[in-house]
Protein backbone atom coordinates (compact mmCIF):
# COMPACT_ATOMS: atom_id res chain seq x y z
CA MET A 1 89.90 114.03 87.77
CA ALA A 2 89.99 117.52 89.13
CA ARG A 3 89.29 118.26 92.82
CA LEU A 4 86.47 120.47 93.80
CA LYS A 5 87.17 123.49 96.10
CA HIS A 6 83.94 122.85 97.91
CA THR A 7 81.72 119.82 98.42
CA PRO A 8 78.39 120.27 96.71
CA SER A 9 75.48 121.02 99.03
CA GLU A 10 73.34 117.95 100.06
CA ALA A 11 69.62 118.29 100.30
CA PRO A 12 67.78 117.60 103.59
CA ARG A 13 66.68 113.92 103.76
CA ALA A 14 63.01 113.67 102.91
CA PRO A 15 60.82 111.66 105.21
CA GLU A 16 59.71 108.44 103.62
CA ARG A 17 56.02 108.32 104.51
CA GLY A 18 53.23 109.82 106.60
CA VAL A 19 52.39 113.33 107.56
CA ARG A 20 55.99 114.39 107.69
CA ALA A 21 56.61 113.20 104.15
CA ALA A 22 53.54 115.09 102.94
CA THR A 23 54.68 118.27 104.72
CA PHE A 24 58.04 118.03 103.11
CA ARG A 25 56.54 117.69 99.71
CA GLN A 26 54.17 120.54 100.35
CA LEU A 27 56.97 122.94 101.32
CA LEU A 28 59.08 121.80 98.41
CA GLN A 29 56.15 122.43 95.97
CA ALA A 30 55.54 125.70 97.44
CA ALA A 31 59.08 126.85 96.92
CA MET A 32 59.05 125.56 93.28
CA ASP A 33 55.75 127.40 92.55
CA ILE A 34 57.24 130.74 93.91
CA ILE A 35 60.30 130.34 91.75
CA ARG A 36 58.21 129.47 88.65
CA LEU A 37 55.46 132.09 89.19
CA LYS A 38 57.16 134.98 90.85
CA GLY A 39 60.73 134.58 89.48
CA HIS A 40 62.61 134.94 92.81
CA ILE A 41 64.20 132.75 95.40
CA PRO A 42 61.88 132.26 98.25
CA SER A 43 62.83 132.29 101.99
CA VAL A 44 61.76 129.38 104.12
CA ALA A 45 59.14 131.75 105.65
CA GLU A 46 57.61 132.40 102.22
CA ALA A 47 57.42 128.70 101.42
CA ALA A 48 55.78 128.12 104.78
CA ALA A 49 53.23 130.84 104.23
CA ARG A 50 52.22 129.57 100.74
CA SER A 51 51.85 126.06 101.93
CA ASN A 52 49.95 127.01 105.21
CA VAL A 53 52.78 125.43 107.36
CA SER A 54 54.03 127.24 110.47
CA ARG A 55 57.45 128.74 110.19
CA ALA A 56 58.78 126.74 113.08
CA THR A 57 57.74 123.46 111.36
CA ALA A 58 59.19 124.68 108.00
CA TYR A 59 62.59 125.40 109.54
CA ARG A 60 62.63 121.89 111.00
CA TYR A 61 62.64 120.56 107.38
CA PHE A 62 64.63 123.35 105.75
CA PRO A 63 66.95 125.14 108.31
CA SER A 64 68.07 127.72 105.68
CA ARG A 65 67.24 129.15 102.18
CA SER A 66 70.34 127.18 100.93
CA ALA A 67 68.79 123.97 102.15
CA LEU A 68 65.50 124.78 100.49
CA VAL A 69 67.06 125.61 97.05
CA THR A 70 69.23 122.49 97.30
CA ALA A 71 66.13 120.32 97.72
CA VAL A 72 64.46 122.13 94.85
CA VAL A 73 67.43 121.39 92.58
CA ASP A 74 67.82 117.84 93.65
CA SER A 75 64.12 117.29 93.11
CA SER A 76 64.20 118.85 89.73
CA LEU A 77 67.35 117.03 88.42
CA GLY A 78 66.82 113.65 90.23
CA PRO A 79 67.10 111.53 87.15
CA VAL A 80 69.92 113.56 85.78
CA ARG A 81 71.98 113.17 88.94
CA GLN A 82 71.59 109.38 88.77
CA MET A 83 72.58 109.14 85.13
CA ALA A 84 74.73 106.22 84.34
CA SER A 85 75.90 104.54 81.07
CA ASP A 86 77.82 101.43 80.28
CA ASN A 87 78.79 102.67 76.85
CA PRO A 88 82.48 102.15 76.36
CA ASN A 89 82.90 104.96 73.87
CA GLY A 90 83.52 108.19 75.74
CA ARG A 91 82.25 110.57 73.10
CA GLU A 92 79.02 108.56 72.71
CA ARG A 93 78.48 108.40 76.41
CA LEU A 94 78.94 112.24 76.52
CA HIS A 95 76.29 112.62 73.80
CA GLU A 96 74.01 110.38 75.76
CA LEU A 97 74.37 112.63 78.80
CA PHE A 98 73.70 115.83 76.85
CA CYS A 99 70.74 114.46 74.88
CA GLN A 100 69.17 112.89 77.93
CA THR A 101 69.63 115.78 80.40
CA PHE A 102 69.29 118.98 78.40
CA PRO A 103 65.56 118.54 78.02
CA ARG A 104 65.36 118.21 81.74
CA PHE A 105 67.29 121.50 82.08
CA LYS A 106 64.73 123.12 79.79
CA GLU A 107 61.82 121.72 81.95
CA PHE A 108 63.37 122.97 85.20
CA GLU A 109 65.15 126.08 83.94
CA ALA A 110 63.57 128.30 86.62
CA PRO A 111 64.84 126.33 89.60
CA MET A 112 68.29 125.99 88.05
CA ARG A 113 68.38 129.79 87.35
CA ALA A 114 67.26 130.30 90.85
CA ALA A 115 70.02 128.17 92.27
CA ALA A 116 72.56 130.07 90.13
CA GLN A 117 71.15 133.37 91.38
CA LEU A 118 71.43 132.35 94.96
CA SER A 119 75.04 131.17 94.55
CA LEU A 120 76.02 134.57 93.04
CA GLU A 121 74.11 136.51 95.74
CA GLN A 122 75.84 134.45 98.53
CA TRP A 123 79.23 134.95 96.94
CA GLY A 124 78.91 138.67 97.39
CA LEU A 125 77.63 138.34 100.87
CA GLU A 126 80.40 135.90 101.88
CA ARG A 127 83.12 138.20 100.44
CA ALA A 128 81.63 141.01 102.66
CA GLY A 129 81.47 138.79 105.69
CA LEU A 130 77.73 139.22 105.81
CA LEU A 131 76.51 135.76 104.96
CA ALA A 132 74.44 134.48 107.90
CA GLU A 133 73.72 130.86 106.63
CA GLU A 134 75.46 127.89 105.29
CA PRO A 135 76.22 128.78 101.66
CA TYR A 136 74.61 126.87 98.79
CA ARG A 137 77.32 124.97 96.86
CA ARG A 138 76.89 123.90 93.26
CA GLY A 139 78.88 121.07 91.72
CA HIS A 140 76.92 118.01 91.06
CA ARG A 141 77.76 118.19 87.45
CA VAL A 142 81.29 117.29 88.30
CA ARG A 143 80.54 113.70 89.29
CA ILE A 144 78.12 113.37 86.26
CA LEU A 145 80.77 114.53 83.84
CA GLU A 146 83.46 112.37 85.47
CA HIS A 147 81.26 109.30 84.72
CA ALA A 148 80.77 110.44 81.12
CA LEU A 149 84.43 110.98 80.55
CA GLU A 150 85.58 107.69 82.09
CA PRO A 151 86.18 105.81 78.87
CA MET A 152 88.48 108.53 77.60
CA SER A 153 90.71 108.43 80.54
CA PRO A 154 93.45 106.12 78.88
CA LEU A 155 93.57 108.41 75.99
CA LEU A 156 94.33 111.62 77.93
CA SER A 157 97.10 112.80 80.22
CA PRO A 158 95.96 113.62 83.72
CA ARG A 159 96.48 117.30 83.16
CA MET A 160 94.50 117.25 79.93
CA ARG A 161 91.78 115.08 81.47
CA ASP A 162 91.39 117.76 84.24
CA ARG A 163 91.38 120.59 81.71
CA LEU A 164 88.60 118.80 79.69
CA HIS A 165 86.66 118.18 82.84
CA HIS A 166 86.88 121.93 83.79
CA ALA A 167 85.87 123.11 80.33
CA LEU A 168 82.93 120.80 79.97
CA SER A 169 81.55 121.90 83.38
CA ILE A 170 81.04 125.35 81.83
CA VAL A 171 79.16 124.02 78.80
CA TYR A 172 77.04 121.46 80.75
CA GLY A 173 74.41 123.21 83.01
CA ILE A 174 72.35 126.29 83.15
CA GLU A 175 75.13 128.59 81.92
CA PRO A 176 74.54 128.06 78.19
CA TYR A 177 70.86 128.96 78.66
CA VAL A 178 71.72 132.15 80.43
CA VAL A 179 74.19 133.32 77.76
CA LEU A 180 72.65 131.98 74.53
CA LYS A 181 68.90 132.69 75.38
CA ASP A 182 69.40 135.99 77.25
CA ILE A 183 72.05 137.56 75.13
CA TRP A 184 71.57 135.81 71.75
CA GLY A 185 67.97 135.12 71.86
CA LEU A 186 68.35 131.48 70.81
CA GLU A 187 65.54 128.93 71.03
CA ASP A 188 65.96 126.04 73.49
CA ARG A 189 66.69 123.50 70.75
CA GLU A 190 69.42 125.64 69.29
CA VAL A 191 70.89 126.01 72.87
CA GLU A 192 71.13 122.30 73.01
CA ARG A 193 72.78 121.92 69.64
CA THR A 194 75.18 124.70 70.42
CA ALA A 195 76.18 123.11 73.82
CA LEU A 196 76.68 119.73 72.20
CA TRP A 197 78.82 121.25 69.45
CA MET A 198 80.95 122.99 72.00
CA ALA A 199 81.28 119.63 73.93
CA ASP A 200 82.49 117.96 70.71
CA ALA A 201 84.94 120.71 69.94
CA LEU A 202 86.41 120.44 73.47
CA VAL A 203 86.74 116.68 73.34
CA ASP A 204 88.40 116.98 69.82
CA ALA A 205 90.92 119.47 71.01
CA ALA A 206 91.78 117.43 74.17
CA LEU A 207 92.26 114.20 72.19
CA ARG A 208 94.25 115.88 69.48
CA ASP A 209 96.56 117.64 72.00
CA SER A 210 97.09 114.42 73.95
CA ALA A 211 97.85 112.48 70.94
CA ALA A 212 100.29 115.03 69.59
CA LYS A 213 102.12 115.11 72.92
CA ARG A 214 102.15 111.29 73.14
CA ALA A 215 103.54 110.90 69.68
CA ALA A 216 106.21 113.54 70.36
CA ALA A 217 107.20 111.61 73.53
CA GLU A 218 107.30 108.28 71.72
CA ALA A 219 109.37 109.76 68.90
CA ALA A 220 111.88 111.35 71.46
CA ALA A 221 112.05 107.95 73.22
CA ALA A 222 112.58 106.06 70.00
CA SER A 223 115.53 108.43 68.96
CA THR A 224 117.26 108.29 72.34
CA PRO A 225 119.51 105.39 72.94
CA SER A 226 118.56 103.31 75.95
CA PRO A 227 121.24 103.46 78.67
CA ALA A 228 123.14 100.34 79.55
CA PRO A 229 122.15 98.20 82.52
CA GLU A 230 125.17 99.43 84.42
CA TRP A 231 123.82 102.97 84.26
CA PHE A 232 120.57 101.94 85.92
CA ASP A 233 122.51 100.11 88.65
CA ALA A 234 124.67 103.22 89.19
CA GLN A 235 121.53 105.36 89.52
CA TYR A 236 119.28 103.14 91.70
CA ASN A 237 121.65 100.82 93.70
CA ASN A 238 121.98 103.00 96.69
CA ARG A 239 123.97 100.55 98.87
CA ALA A 240 126.58 100.62 96.14
CA ARG A 241 126.48 104.38 95.90
CA ILE A 242 126.74 104.95 99.71
CA PRO A 243 130.00 103.27 101.09
CA GLU A 244 128.95 104.15 104.65
CA HIS A 245 125.60 102.40 104.36
CA PRO A 246 126.37 99.71 106.93
CA SER A 247 127.01 102.39 109.64
CA ILE A 248 123.71 104.14 108.64
CA LEU A 249 121.77 100.92 108.79
CA LYS A 250 123.40 100.14 112.23
CA TYR A 251 122.43 103.61 113.50
CA TRP A 252 118.77 102.97 112.41
CA ALA A 253 118.81 99.65 114.21
CA ASP A 254 120.42 100.95 117.47
CA ALA A 255 118.26 104.10 117.55
CA SER A 256 115.18 102.15 116.91
CA ALA A 257 115.89 99.55 119.67
CA GLN A 258 116.31 102.42 122.09
CA ALA A 259 113.14 104.15 120.84
CA LEU A 260 111.19 100.81 121.36
CA GLN A 261 112.05 100.99 125.06
CA ARG A 262 109.86 104.07 125.38
CA PRO A 263 106.67 103.26 127.34
CA GLY A 264 103.37 103.37 125.47
CA TRP A 265 104.17 101.36 122.35
CA ILE A 266 101.54 98.97 121.13
CA ARG A 267 103.33 96.25 119.17
CA ASP A 268 102.49 93.94 116.31
CA LEU A 269 98.76 94.49 115.97
CA ALA A 270 97.25 92.56 113.11
CA TYR A 271 95.72 94.37 110.20
CA GLY A 272 95.38 91.15 108.24
CA ASP A 273 95.75 87.42 108.49
CA ASP A 274 99.22 86.99 107.10
CA GLU A 275 102.18 87.12 109.63
CA SER A 276 103.70 90.03 107.70
CA GLU A 277 100.44 92.06 108.17
CA ARG A 278 101.38 93.83 111.46
CA LEU A 279 101.69 97.30 112.75
CA ASP A 280 102.97 99.31 115.73
CA ILE A 281 101.47 102.39 117.33
CA LEU A 282 103.03 105.06 119.57
CA PRO A 283 100.26 107.27 120.78
CA ALA A 284 100.76 111.03 120.92
CA ALA A 285 102.69 112.08 124.04
CA SER A 286 99.88 114.41 125.04
CA GLY A 287 97.43 111.52 125.57
CA ALA A 288 94.50 113.87 124.98
CA GLY A 289 93.04 111.75 122.15
CA LYS A 290 92.01 112.86 118.65
CA ALA A 291 95.55 113.39 117.69
CA PRO A 292 96.51 113.52 113.97
CA VAL A 293 97.87 110.28 112.72
CA PHE A 294 101.29 109.73 110.96
CA VAL A 295 101.46 106.42 109.20
CA TYR A 296 105.06 105.49 108.20
CA ILE A 297 106.00 102.84 105.53
CA HIS A 298 109.64 101.57 105.46
CA GLY A 299 111.65 101.29 102.32
CA GLY A 300 114.11 98.64 101.18
CA TYR A 301 113.06 98.32 97.45
CA TRP A 302 110.01 96.19 98.50
CA ARG A 303 112.42 93.30 99.35
CA ALA A 304 114.29 94.32 102.63
CA LEU A 305 114.13 95.83 106.09
CA ASP A 306 111.35 95.90 108.67
CA LYS A 307 109.23 98.41 110.64
CA ARG A 308 111.32 97.80 113.78
CA ASP A 309 114.26 99.23 111.98
CA HIS A 310 112.54 102.65 111.70
CA ALA A 311 111.02 103.04 115.25
CA PHE A 312 113.56 105.88 115.89
CA LEU A 313 111.35 108.18 113.77
CA ALA A 314 108.45 107.89 116.18
CA PRO A 315 109.41 109.77 119.45
CA PRO A 316 109.90 113.23 117.87
CA LEU A 317 106.53 113.05 116.08
CA ALA A 318 104.66 111.71 119.10
CA ASP A 319 106.28 114.44 121.27
CA ALA A 320 104.97 116.97 118.78
CA GLY A 321 101.39 115.68 119.09
CA ALA A 322 101.00 112.94 116.46
CA THR A 323 99.98 109.32 116.85
CA PHE A 324 102.67 107.41 115.14
CA VAL A 325 101.90 104.12 113.19
CA GLN A 326 104.53 101.99 111.37
CA LEU A 327 103.55 99.27 109.02
CA ASN A 328 105.07 95.92 107.88
CA TYR A 329 104.33 94.10 104.71
CA ALA A 330 105.41 90.98 102.76
CA LEU A 331 108.55 91.23 100.86
CA CYS A 332 109.62 90.48 97.30
CA PRO A 333 110.23 88.02 95.70
CA ALA A 334 107.86 85.95 97.84
CA VAL A 335 105.14 88.43 96.69
CA ASP A 336 104.97 91.04 94.05
CA ILE A 337 104.69 94.84 94.43
CA GLU A 338 100.98 94.81 93.58
CA HIS A 339 100.28 92.49 96.53
CA ILE A 340 102.31 94.86 98.89
CA ALA A 341 100.21 97.82 97.55
CA ARG A 342 97.03 95.86 98.33
CA GLN A 343 98.36 95.12 101.90
CA MET A 344 99.05 98.91 102.44
CA ALA A 345 95.52 99.71 101.43
CA GLN A 346 94.31 97.15 103.84
CA ALA A 347 96.46 98.56 106.63
CA LEU A 348 95.20 102.10 106.05
CA ALA A 349 91.55 100.81 106.15
CA TRP A 350 92.43 99.19 109.51
CA VAL A 351 93.87 102.43 110.77
CA HIS A 352 90.90 104.43 109.86
CA ARG A 353 88.56 102.05 111.49
CA ASN A 354 90.53 101.44 114.69
CA ILE A 355 92.98 104.38 115.47
CA ALA A 356 90.46 106.21 117.51
CA ALA A 357 90.77 103.53 120.18
CA HIS A 358 94.34 104.48 120.48
CA GLY A 359 94.01 108.30 120.62
CA GLY A 360 94.23 109.03 116.97
CA ASP A 361 91.81 110.98 114.81
CA PRO A 362 90.62 108.88 111.75
CA GLU A 363 89.76 112.12 110.00
CA ARG A 364 93.41 113.30 109.99
CA ILE A 365 95.62 110.60 108.48
CA VAL A 366 98.94 111.49 106.84
CA VAL A 367 100.92 108.80 105.17
CA ALA A 368 104.71 108.94 104.79
CA GLY A 369 107.34 106.54 103.43
CA HIS A 370 111.02 106.35 102.34
CA SER A 371 112.23 105.01 99.00
CA ALA A 372 109.89 102.14 98.16
CA GLY A 373 107.81 103.38 101.19
CA GLY A 374 107.57 106.66 99.46
CA HIS A 375 106.15 104.93 96.26
CA LEU A 376 103.67 103.18 98.43
CA ALA A 377 102.58 106.29 100.38
CA THR A 378 102.12 108.16 97.11
CA MET A 379 99.89 105.29 95.72
CA LEU A 380 97.83 105.48 98.92
CA LEU A 381 97.12 109.16 98.33
CA ALA A 382 95.82 108.25 94.86
CA CYS A 383 93.84 105.27 96.03
CA ASP A 384 90.07 105.02 95.35
CA TRP A 385 88.97 104.09 98.77
CA GLN A 386 85.40 103.49 97.81
CA ARG A 387 86.72 100.52 95.78
CA VAL A 388 88.66 99.22 98.75
CA ALA A 389 85.52 99.24 100.91
CA PRO A 390 82.25 101.30 100.65
CA ASP A 391 82.55 102.36 104.31
CA LEU A 392 85.77 104.23 103.75
CA PRO A 393 85.88 107.99 102.99
CA ARG A 394 87.18 109.16 99.56
CA ASP A 395 89.70 111.34 101.39
CA LEU A 396 90.87 108.82 103.89
CA VAL A 397 94.53 109.90 103.37
CA LYS A 398 94.64 113.68 103.73
CA SER A 399 98.17 114.16 102.55
CA ALA A 400 101.50 112.21 101.94
CA LEU A 401 105.21 112.81 102.51
CA SER A 402 107.47 110.91 100.20
CA ILE A 403 111.11 110.75 101.05
CA SER A 404 113.24 109.70 98.09
CA GLY A 405 110.26 108.05 96.51
CA VAL A 406 109.97 106.30 93.15
CA TYR A 407 107.06 107.33 91.01
CA GLU A 408 108.02 105.65 87.69
CA LEU A 409 108.93 101.95 87.96
CA GLU A 410 109.99 101.24 84.33
CA PRO A 411 113.66 102.13 85.00
CA LEU A 412 113.78 99.51 87.86
CA ARG A 413 113.13 96.76 85.31
CA HIS A 414 116.50 97.50 83.74
CA ALA A 415 118.58 97.48 86.96
CA PRO A 416 120.24 94.11 87.22
CA PHE A 417 120.81 94.36 91.05
CA LEU A 418 116.99 94.52 91.56
CA ALA A 419 114.96 93.45 88.47
CA ALA A 420 114.79 89.76 89.23
CA ASP A 421 113.60 90.15 92.83
CA ILE A 422 110.72 92.60 91.98
CA GLY A 423 109.72 90.85 88.75
CA LEU A 424 108.09 93.79 87.07
CA THR A 425 106.72 93.54 83.47
CA GLU A 426 106.28 96.54 81.23
CA ALA A 427 102.53 96.45 81.97
CA SER A 428 102.84 96.11 85.73
CA ALA A 429 105.49 98.86 85.98
CA LEU A 430 103.21 101.25 84.14
CA ARG A 431 100.18 100.07 86.27
CA LEU A 432 102.03 100.61 89.50
CA SER A 433 103.74 103.94 88.65
CA PRO A 434 101.94 106.90 90.48
CA ALA A 435 103.24 109.24 87.71
CA ALA A 436 101.03 107.28 85.16
CA MET A 437 97.91 107.53 87.47
CA PRO A 438 95.31 110.31 87.36
CA ALA A 439 96.10 113.11 89.85
CA PRO A 440 94.37 112.49 93.21
CA LYS A 441 90.91 114.22 93.45
CA GLN A 442 91.78 115.23 96.97
CA GLY A 443 94.92 115.54 99.22
CA THR A 444 98.37 116.94 98.83
CA LEU A 445 101.89 115.49 98.39
CA VAL A 446 105.16 116.76 99.63
CA THR A 447 108.48 115.24 98.18
CA VAL A 448 111.86 115.10 99.75
CA VAL A 449 115.11 114.29 97.88
CA GLY A 450 118.60 114.49 99.30
CA GLY A 451 120.97 116.93 97.58
CA ASP A 452 123.52 114.08 97.05
CA GLU A 453 121.09 111.53 95.62
CA SER A 454 121.33 110.29 92.01
CA GLU A 455 120.11 112.29 89.08
CA GLU A 456 117.32 109.61 88.72
CA PHE A 457 115.90 110.30 92.13
CA HIS A 458 115.74 113.95 91.48
CA ARG A 459 114.16 113.26 88.05
CA GLN A 460 111.53 110.99 89.75
CA ALA A 461 110.54 113.90 92.09
CA GLU A 462 110.29 116.36 89.17
CA LEU A 463 108.23 113.73 87.23
CA ILE A 464 105.48 113.34 89.87
CA ALA A 465 105.29 117.17 90.31
CA SER A 466 104.82 117.50 86.56
CA ALA A 467 102.40 114.63 86.21
CA TRP A 468 100.18 115.59 89.08
CA GLY A 469 100.59 119.42 89.04
CA ARG A 470 101.19 121.88 91.68
CA ARG A 471 97.63 121.67 92.97
CA VAL A 472 98.55 118.26 94.46
CA VAL A 473 102.38 118.43 94.79
CA VAL A 474 102.43 121.38 97.16
CA GLY A 475 106.03 121.28 98.33
CA ALA A 476 109.57 119.93 98.00
CA GLU A 477 112.48 119.60 100.26
CA ARG A 478 115.96 119.13 98.82
CA PRO A 479 118.35 119.04 101.89
CA ALA A 480 122.02 119.58 101.07
CA ASN A 481 124.64 117.04 101.94
CA ARG A 482 122.08 114.16 102.29
CA ASN A 483 122.25 110.91 100.42
CA HIS A 484 119.51 108.36 99.84
CA MET A 485 119.90 106.95 103.37
CA SER A 486 121.08 109.84 105.53
CA VAL A 487 118.10 111.94 104.23
CA LEU A 488 115.70 109.86 106.39
CA ALA A 489 117.21 111.05 109.73
CA ASP A 490 115.90 114.59 109.00
CA LEU A 491 112.40 113.33 109.63
CA ALA A 492 113.29 112.76 113.25
CA ASP A 493 115.12 116.03 113.67
CA PRO A 494 112.89 118.94 114.86
CA ALA A 495 115.29 121.40 113.33
CA SER A 496 115.02 120.10 109.90
CA GLY A 497 112.77 121.26 107.02
CA THR A 498 111.53 117.71 106.53
CA HIS A 499 110.33 117.40 110.07
CA ARG A 500 108.59 120.81 109.90
CA ARG A 501 106.89 119.73 106.58
CA ALA A 502 105.58 116.57 108.36
CA LEU A 503 104.20 118.75 111.24
CA GLY A 504 102.52 121.13 108.73
CA LEU A 505 100.83 118.20 106.85
CA LEU A 506 99.64 117.05 110.28
CA GLY A 507 98.30 120.42 111.27
CA LEU A 508 100.97 120.78 114.05
CA ALA A 509 102.99 123.45 112.55
CA GLY A 510 102.76 125.47 115.65
CA SER A 511 103.94 122.74 117.94
CA PRO A 512 107.08 123.35 120.10
CA ARG A 513 110.21 122.23 118.26
């Protein structure tokens, strides 16, 4: 689903019992009475006067007018915000939402109008640089609608799902009341009917458009002859495409062996119980702590190589101010790609919980990878971290850098050199393809593809940009005269565009280079 520009305001936590709880409720009721009877947004001082509470006490509960209005709205819409349904039919679930909540909107129309008024007022003050308090941010409807639309997700493309989400957020809320009652003079019941009719029309349009595009794509695929297996090998077998690959692999190994001699490395920390679940850390050279964290995942088509082969990437990034982390994982065919993806989620959870002890900032984690590692890094950007563990933030991964990544796995099923080892089925290839996943709700992705790579790797990069949109895929590097393997060295080259992209994602763009 679509990403919010701002996080919705959270109401101050109400005391649970005693005098403090009674005072909180008294102030809140006073604010609601002023809104209902006088038709304007009260200041904290006005609420204090009406409830016979001192200003100093009132400000301890509600430090700003924004906090007061947020509490009023949350109190008014309490049951609406917790609305949940297990109905598997998306349209019916949306109907349930509208039918259950619009009467609540009618009952608390005055506070909702007040909240909208405050938002508009603060918008003008913020633009003029005159806003003296934390702004009130609306947006709770986004999560509510997301829940309602969940059953429709398989029927809609990511872009169409976001568009429907945006459109319904205009229909669902106080806005229909403002337009249909104030301009057209409609009664409350007719407002509800009209809003539901608009919601149905939007759902119909989204489903119809998605179905048409899906049918067109299927027809095009059916009429296009499938390439021969040799073609897939020619596109994806990079060792065969790059005669000099032994010398490149030797360079990685030699440069990494030298890099591992650098003091400060912390080697083979366990992020899980399996012997493959190990990581290395090179803290930022500054040693000041709270450094942004750069997590690197090696490639090798999920079946080869090791973190120690890529340590040469670490020193330039550590010197620029980043804490560098490199991950190992189990390899195919002993495990499948889904198992590896779960390992990577486990590793990132470990990094978030433990990296502060090694000078890294858990709130500034960037994930990068090469080839299969690029695929895994992109999946981590799209990961629902609350499903991994409830203590993890939704935006655990702030951004990702994918170098020569794979975002659609179906072609790999048809490449003889690889297919048997990775064991993908049609279903698992689709399930593990980032391009088939909803666009991340937060975070950004930068893709890198060498100018001399195969047409398929360039198509893969274009595919993820199209699937996720330019809101998420914010940049691309296409370095000339670089193949699938030589392109990786640019990450360690302070003069390269790839290295500068990495620093930018880390917030270190101004670092000496």
